[in-house]
C-alpha atoms as a PDB file:
ATOM      1  CA  UNK A   1      19.085  14.432 -14.027  1.00  0.00           C
ATOM      2  CA  UNK A   2      18.536  13.737 -10.362  1.00  0.00           C
ATOM      3  CA  UNK A   3      18.848  10.264  -8.998  1.00  0.00           C
ATOM      4  CA  UNK A   4      15.828   8.740  -7.239  1.00  0.00           C
ATOM      5  CA  UNK A   5      16.485   8.601  -3.487  1.00  0.00           C
ATOM      6  CA  UNK A   6      17.100   5.056  -2.249  1.00  0.00           C
ATOM      7  CA  UNK A   7      14.261   5.268   0.269  1.00  0.00           C
ATOM      8  CA  UNK A   8      11.783   6.252  -2.449  1.00  0.00           C
ATOM      9  CA  UNK A   9      12.992   3.322  -4.544  1.00  0.00           C
ATOM     10  CA  UNK A  10      12.282   1.008  -1.619  1.00  0.00           C
ATOM     11  CA  UNK A  11       8.757   2.441  -1.220  1.00  0.00           C
ATOM     12  CA  UNK A  12       8.133   2.014  -4.967  1.00  0.00           C
ATOM     13  CA  UNK A  13       9.303  -1.610  -4.759  1.00  0.00           C
ATOM     14  CA  UNK A  14       7.074  -2.312  -1.744  1.00  0.00           C
ATOM     15  CA  UNK A  15       4.026  -0.833  -3.489  1.00  0.00           C
ATOM     16  CA  UNK A  16       4.819  -2.688  -6.720  1.00  0.00           C
ATOM     17  CA  UNK A  17       5.278  -6.026  -4.939  1.00  0.00           C
ATOM     18  CA  UNK A  18       2.006  -5.464  -3.088  1.00  0.00           C
ATOM     19  CA  UNK A  19       0.172  -4.864  -6.357  1.00  0.00           C
ATOM     20  CA  UNK A  20       1.744  -7.947  -7.974  1.00  0.00           C
ATOM     21  CA  UNK A  21       0.993 -10.117  -4.940  1.00  0.00           C
ATOM     22  CA  UNK A  22      -2.648  -9.021  -4.911  1.00  0.00           C
ATOM     23  CA  UNK A  23      -2.925  -9.601  -8.669  1.00  0.00           C
ATOM     24  CA  UNK A  24      -1.661 -13.168  -8.215  1.00  0.00           C
ATOM     25  CA  UNK A  25      -4.165 -13.594  -5.367  1.00  0.00           C
ATOM     26  CA  UNK A  26      -7.014 -12.490  -7.628  1.00  0.00           C
ATOM     27  CA  UNK A  27      -5.960 -14.802 -10.446  1.00  0.00           C
ATOM     28  CA  UNK A  28      -5.674 -17.768  -8.080  1.00  0.00           C
ATOM     29  CA  UNK A  29      -9.038 -17.037  -6.419  1.00  0.00           C
ATOM     30  CA  UNK A  30     -11.100 -16.892  -9.651  1.00  0.00           C
ATOM     31  CA  UNK A  31     -11.834 -20.667  -9.724  1.00  0.00           C
ATOM     32  CA  UNK A  32     -12.804 -20.580  -6.050  1.00  0.00           C
ATOM     33  CA  UNK A  33     -15.217 -17.707  -6.681  1.00  0.00           C
ATOM     34  CA  UNK A  34     -16.854 -19.675  -9.496  1.00  0.00           C
ATOM     35  CA  UNK A  35     -17.180 -22.788  -7.328  1.00  0.00           C
ATOM     36  CA  UNK A  36     -18.528 -20.720  -4.430  1.00  0.00           C
ATOM     37  CA  UNK A  37     -21.345 -19.408  -6.634  1.00  0.00           C
ATOM     38  CA  UNK A  38     -22.417 -22.947  -7.557  1.00  0.00           C
ATOM     39  CA  UNK A  39     -22.194 -24.110  -3.948  1.00  0.00           C
ATOM     40  CA  UNK A  40     -23.821 -21.210  -2.086  1.00  0.00           C
ATOM     41  CA  UNK A  41     -24.977 -17.832  -3.338  1.00  0.00           C
ATOM     42  CA  UNK A  42     -24.109 -16.079  -0.081  1.00  0.00           C
ATOM     43  CA  UNK A  43     -20.588 -17.450  -0.091  1.00  0.00           C
ATOM     44  CA  UNK A  44     -20.260 -16.565  -3.778  1.00  0.00           C
ATOM     45  CA  UNK A  45     -21.219 -12.954  -3.123  1.00  0.00           C
ATOM     46  CA  UNK A  46     -18.714 -12.780  -0.276  1.00  0.00           C
ATOM     47  CA  UNK A  47     -15.953 -14.176  -2.492  1.00  0.00           C
ATOM     48  CA  UNK A  48     -16.895 -11.719  -5.245  1.00  0.00           C
ATOM     49  CA  UNK A  49     -16.711  -8.846  -2.776  1.00  0.00           C
ATOM     50  CA  UNK A  50     -13.232  -9.999  -1.767  1.00  0.00           C
ATOM     51  CA  UNK A  51     -12.150 -10.088  -5.417  1.00  0.00           C
ATOM     52  CA  UNK A  52     -13.551  -6.612  -6.069  1.00  0.00           C
ATOM     53  CA  UNK A  53     -11.790  -5.312  -2.949  1.00  0.00           C
ATOM     54  CA  UNK A  54      -8.528  -6.847  -4.179  1.00  0.00           C
ATOM     55  CA  UNK A  55      -8.887  -5.051  -7.541  1.00  0.00           C
ATOM     56  CA  UNK A  56      -9.382  -1.769  -5.693  1.00  0.00           C
ATOM     57  CA  UNK A  57      -6.257  -2.394  -3.616  1.00  0.00           C
ATOM     58  CA  UNK A  58      -4.269  -3.359  -6.736  1.00  0.00           C
ATOM     59  CA  UNK A  59      -5.163  -0.055  -8.367  1.00  0.00           C
ATOM     60  CA  UNK A  60      -4.261   1.916  -5.225  1.00  0.00           C
ATOM     61  CA  UNK A  61      -0.872   0.219  -4.833  1.00  0.00           C
ATOM     62  CA  UNK A  62      -0.019   0.521  -8.533  1.00  0.00           C
ATOM     63  CA  UNK A  63      -1.084   4.186  -8.622  1.00  0.00           C
ATOM     64  CA  UNK A  64       1.023   5.034  -5.583  1.00  0.00           C
ATOM     65  CA  UNK A  65       4.055   3.240  -7.048  1.00  0.00           C
ATOM     66  CA  UNK A  66       3.707   5.042 -10.380  1.00  0.00           C
ATOM     67  CA  UNK A  67       3.115   8.416  -8.713  1.00  0.00           C
ATOM     68  CA  UNK A  68       6.167   8.020  -6.474  1.00  0.00           C
ATOM     69  CA  UNK A  69       8.291   7.067  -9.449  1.00  0.00           C
ATOM     70  CA  UNK A  70       6.950  10.078 -11.393  1.00  0.00           C
ATOM     71  CA  UNK A  71       7.601  12.481  -8.468  1.00  0.00           C
ATOM     72  CA  UNK A  72       3.988  13.500  -7.927  1.00  0.00           C
ATOM     73  CA  UNK A  73       3.677  15.741  -4.867  1.00  0.00           C
ATOM     74  CA  UNK A  74       0.321  14.283  -3.873  1.00  0.00           C
ATOM     75  CA  UNK A  75       1.849  10.796  -3.578  1.00  0.00           C
ATOM     76  CA  UNK A  76       4.127  11.913  -0.733  1.00  0.00           C
ATOM     77  CA  UNK A  77       1.210  13.559   1.091  1.00  0.00           C
ATOM     78  CA  UNK A  78      -1.034  10.543   0.504  1.00  0.00           C
ATOM     79  CA  UNK A  79       1.551   8.127   1.904  1.00  0.00           C
ATOM     80  CA  UNK A  80       2.114  10.395   4.909  1.00  0.00           C
ATOM     81  CA  UNK A  81      -1.651  10.415   5.506  1.00  0.00           C
ATOM     82  CA  UNK A  82      -2.013   6.634   5.134  1.00  0.00           C
ATOM     83  CA  UNK A  83       1.038   5.995   7.335  1.00  0.00           C
ATOM     84  CA  UNK A  84      -0.398   8.312   9.993  1.00  0.00           C
ATOM     85  CA  UNK A  85      -3.671   6.406   9.991  1.00  0.00           C
ATOM     86  CA  UNK A  86      -1.750   3.120  10.076  1.00  0.00           C
ATOM     87  CA  UNK A  87       0.271   4.380  13.040  1.00  0.00           C
ATOM     88  CA  UNK A  88      -2.885   5.312  14.956  1.00  0.00           C
ATOM     89  CA  UNK A  89      -4.504   1.928  14.289  1.00  0.00           C
ATOM     90  CA  UNK A  90      -1.234   0.158  15.132  1.00  0.00           C
ATOM     91  CA  UNK A  91      -1.124   1.904  18.498  1.00  0.00           C
ATOM     92  CA  UNK A  92      -4.759   0.958  19.120  1.00  0.00           C
ATOM     93  CA  UNK A  93      -3.979  -2.669  18.234  1.00  0.00           C
ATOM     94  CA  UNK A  94      -0.989  -2.602  20.557  1.00  0.00           C
ATOM     95  CA  UNK A  95      -3.165  -1.202  23.354  1.00  0.00           C
ATOM     96  CA  UNK A  96      -5.633  -4.089  23.045  1.00  0.00           C
ATOM     97  CA  UNK A  97      -2.863  -6.676  23.159  1.00  0.00           C
ATOM     98  CA  UNK A  98      -1.805  -7.375  19.557  1.00  0.00           C
ATOM     99  CA  UNK A  99       1.977  -7.620  19.862  1.00  0.00           C
ATOM    100  CA  UNK A 100       2.426  -8.120  16.110  1.00  0.00           C
ATOM    101  CA  UNK A 101       1.308  -4.534  15.489  1.00  0.00           C
ATOM    102  CA  UNK A 102       4.769  -3.430  16.632  1.00  0.00           C
ATOM    103  CA  UNK A 103       6.057  -4.276  13.143  1.00  0.00           C
ATOM    104  CA  UNK A 104       3.408  -2.076  11.507  1.00  0.00           C
ATOM    105  CA  UNK A 105       4.157   0.735  13.963  1.00  0.00           C
ATOM    106  CA  UNK A 106       7.881   0.564  13.175  1.00  0.00           C
ATOM    107  CA  UNK A 107       7.219   0.534   9.418  1.00  0.00           C
ATOM    108  CA  UNK A 108       4.853   3.519   9.663  1.00  0.00           C
ATOM    109  CA  UNK A 109       7.264   5.536  11.818  1.00  0.00           C
ATOM    110  CA  UNK A 110      10.186   4.835   9.456  1.00  0.00           C
ATOM    111  CA  UNK A 111       8.029   5.809   6.446  1.00  0.00           C
ATOM    112  CA  UNK A 112       6.854   9.054   8.046  1.00  0.00           C
ATOM    113  CA  UNK A 113      10.340  10.055   9.193  1.00  0.00           C
ATOM    114  CA  UNK A 114      11.796   9.196   5.808  1.00  0.00           C
ATOM    115  CA  UNK A 115       9.262  11.215   3.816  1.00  0.00           C
ATOM    116  CA  UNK A 116       9.767  14.217   6.117  1.00  0.00           C
ATOM    117  CA  UNK A 117      13.522  14.406   5.482  1.00  0.00           C
ATOM    118  CA  UNK A 118      14.667  17.562   3.697  1.00  0.00           C
ATOM    119  CA  UNK A 119      16.356  15.702   0.851  1.00  0.00           C
ATOM    120  CA  UNK A 120      13.231  13.660   0.089  1.00  0.00           C
ATOM    121  CA  UNK A 121      10.987  16.735   0.294  1.00  0.00           C
ATOM    122  CA  UNK A 122      13.351  18.609  -2.004  1.00  0.00           C
ATOM    123  CA  UNK A 123      13.303  15.733  -4.499  1.00  0.00           C
ATOM    124  CA  UNK A 124       9.504  15.938  -4.719  1.00  0.00           C
ATOM    125  CA  UNK A 125       9.463  19.742  -4.992  1.00  0.00           C
ATOM    126  CA  UNK A 126      12.249  20.092  -7.581  1.00  0.00           C
ATOM    127  CA  UNK A 127      10.721  19.653 -11.027  1.00  0.00           C
ATOM    128  CA  UNK A 128      13.989  19.543 -12.981  1.00  0.00           C
ATOM    129  CA  UNK A 129      15.249  16.222 -14.195  1.00  0.00           C
END
């Protein structure tokens, strides 16, 4: 039985915490959505859209965490793709003056370099437990 690489464990924890955080956000926002509908229909629809978007993000984060933990090959490729897009948008944000995007750029670069290491690639390719 192969041990899960530490870096993959960290990515699984980050995805899991993101899903839990968004789930708590949805649960807390339910009363506000109800009040928004009674106050203004437009605001209620906007709040409902935000809640639906949060459910979509919860399912994406939870699916990625489960797929990484289960050694699905597509999860590695998907995270590489998403990190590449995040890196591009981080560089664009940095170019227009958002200094806080440096943190996102660093996180995306570390994620990409980590998932391209031979040991991590081999862990995803090897099917034996």
